C-alpha atoms as a PDB file:
ATOM      1  CA  MET A   1       3.621   2.367  23.912  1.00  0.00           C
ATOM      2  CA  ALA A   2       0.479   2.123  21.859  1.00  0.00           C
ATOM      3  CA  GLY A   3      -2.632   3.964  22.961  1.00  0.00           C
ATOM      4  CA  ASP A   4      -5.642   2.167  24.397  1.00  0.00           C
ATOM      5  CA  SER A   5      -7.557   2.451  21.136  1.00  0.00           C
ATOM      6  CA  TYR A   6      -4.846   0.784  19.030  1.00  0.00           C
ATOM      7  CA  ASP A   7      -6.026  -2.326  17.194  1.00  0.00           C
ATOM      8  CA  PRO A   8      -3.450  -4.160  15.042  1.00  0.00           C
ATOM      9  CA  LYS A   9      -6.246  -5.673  12.939  1.00  0.00           C
ATOM     10  CA  ILE A  10      -7.123  -2.191  11.676  1.00  0.00           C
ATOM     11  CA  THR A  11      -3.493  -1.598  10.688  1.00  0.00           C
ATOM     12  CA  ILE A  12      -3.416  -4.903   8.794  1.00  0.00           C
ATOM     13  CA  LYS A  13      -6.718  -4.013   7.133  1.00  0.00           C
ATOM     14  CA  LYS A  14      -5.316  -0.611   6.087  1.00  0.00           C
ATOM     15  CA  PHE A  15      -2.214  -2.364   4.703  1.00  0.00           C
ATOM     16  CA  LEU A  16      -4.290  -4.778   2.617  1.00  0.00           C
ATOM     17  CA  ILE A  17      -6.624  -2.049   1.340  1.00  0.00           C
ATOM     18  CA  GLY A  18      -3.646   0.147   0.442  1.00  0.00           C
ATOM     19  CA  TRP A  19      -1.928  -2.758  -1.292  1.00  0.00           C
ATOM     20  CA  ALA A  20      -5.017  -3.673  -3.312  1.00  0.00           C
ATOM     21  CA  THR A  21      -5.795  -0.120  -4.404  1.00  0.00           C
ATOM     22  CA  SER A  22      -2.216   0.637  -5.391  1.00  0.00           C
ATOM     23  CA  LEU A  23      -1.993  -2.688  -7.241  1.00  0.00           C
ATOM     24  CA  ILE A  24      -5.139  -1.790  -9.175  1.00  0.00           C
ATOM     25  CA  GLY A  25      -3.621   1.623  -9.858  1.00  0.00           C
ATOM     26  CA  MET A  26      -0.474  -0.021 -11.242  1.00  0.00           C
ATOM     27  CA  ILE A  27      -2.369  -2.350 -13.573  1.00  0.00           C
ATOM     28  CA  PHE A  28      -3.611   0.529 -15.751  1.00  0.00           C
ATOM     29  CA  PRO A  29      -0.146   1.903 -16.651  1.00  0.00           C
ATOM     30  CA  PHE A  30       1.127  -1.622 -17.301  1.00  0.00           C
ATOM     31  CA  THR A  31      -1.812  -2.299 -19.623  1.00  0.00           C
ATOM     32  CA  ILE A  32      -1.327   0.973 -21.488  1.00  0.00           C
ATOM     33  CA  SER A  33       2.403   0.386 -21.842  1.00  0.00           C
ATOM     34  CA  TYR A  34       1.731  -3.173 -23.067  1.00  0.00           C
ATOM     35  CA  VAL A  35      -0.656  -1.856 -25.722  1.00  0.00           C
ATOM     36  CA  ASN A  36       1.985   0.672 -26.799  1.00  0.00           C
ATOM     37  CA  GLU A  37       4.541  -2.177 -26.970  1.00  0.00           C
ATOM     38  CA  TYR A  38       6.696  -0.729 -24.197  1.00  0.00           C
ATOM     39  CA  GLU A  39       7.492  -3.003 -21.307  1.00  0.00           C
ATOM     40  CA  TRP A  40       7.982  -1.715 -17.763  1.00  0.00           C
ATOM     41  CA  PRO A  41      10.170  -3.682 -15.380  1.00  0.00           C
ATOM     42  CA  ALA A  42       8.012  -6.246 -13.582  1.00  0.00           C
ATOM     43  CA  GLU A  43       9.571  -5.330 -10.230  1.00  0.00           C
ATOM     44  CA  LEU A  44       7.616  -2.070 -10.252  1.00  0.00           C
ATOM     45  CA  LEU A  45       4.360  -4.002 -10.053  1.00  0.00           C
ATOM     46  CA  ILE A  46       5.642  -5.710  -6.896  1.00  0.00           C
ATOM     47  CA  TYR A  47       7.570  -3.024  -5.035  1.00  0.00           C
ATOM     48  CA  ILE A  48       5.448   0.102  -5.508  1.00  0.00           C
ATOM     49  CA  PRO A  49       2.205  -1.353  -4.038  1.00  0.00           C
ATOM     50  CA  ILE A  50       4.115  -2.848  -1.100  1.00  0.00           C
ATOM     51  CA  VAL A  51       5.815   0.468  -0.328  1.00  0.00           C
ATOM     52  CA  ILE A  52       2.562   2.429  -0.586  1.00  0.00           C
ATOM     53  CA  ALA A  53       0.653  -0.084   1.554  1.00  0.00           C
ATOM     54  CA  SER A  54       3.423  -0.111   4.165  1.00  0.00           C
ATOM     55  CA  LEU A  55       3.345   3.681   4.389  1.00  0.00           C
ATOM     56  CA  ILE A  56      -0.442   3.684   4.823  1.00  0.00           C
ATOM     57  CA  ALA A  57      -0.259   1.035   7.562  1.00  0.00           C
ATOM     58  CA  PHE A  58       2.636   2.826   9.270  1.00  0.00           C
ATOM     59  CA  GLU A  59       0.686   6.089   9.229  1.00  0.00           C
ATOM     60  CA  ASN A  60      -2.246   4.369  10.961  1.00  0.00           C
ATOM     61  CA  ALA A  61      -0.015   2.781  13.597  1.00  0.00           C
ATOM     62  CA  TRP A  62       1.891   6.042  14.159  1.00  0.00           C
ATOM     63  CA  LYS A  63      -1.360   7.943  14.645  1.00  0.00           C
ATOM     64  CA  HIS A  64      -2.453   5.565  17.416  1.00  0.00           C
ATOM     65  CA  TRP A  65       0.974   5.311  19.056  1.00  0.00           C
ATOM     66  CA  ASN A  66       1.213   9.083  19.407  1.00  0.00           C
ATOM     67  CA  LYS A  67      -2.327   9.363  20.750  1.00  0.00           C
ATOM     68  CA  GLY A  68      -1.521   7.601  24.024  1.00  0.00           C
END
């Protein structure tokens, strides 16, 4: 069970911050590859930020679940 200090809003906030920062981080390689006329698969721009954000949110939830 989750500890007393667990707040799901913080986990959602961490997910959204992780998603936004990884999305911004993915835009630069896509821009550079577009300038060099090489096209990455568009799925990478969707899946990589979601995976990174999910791992960040899971880490936050895991930290609080193991605290209690």
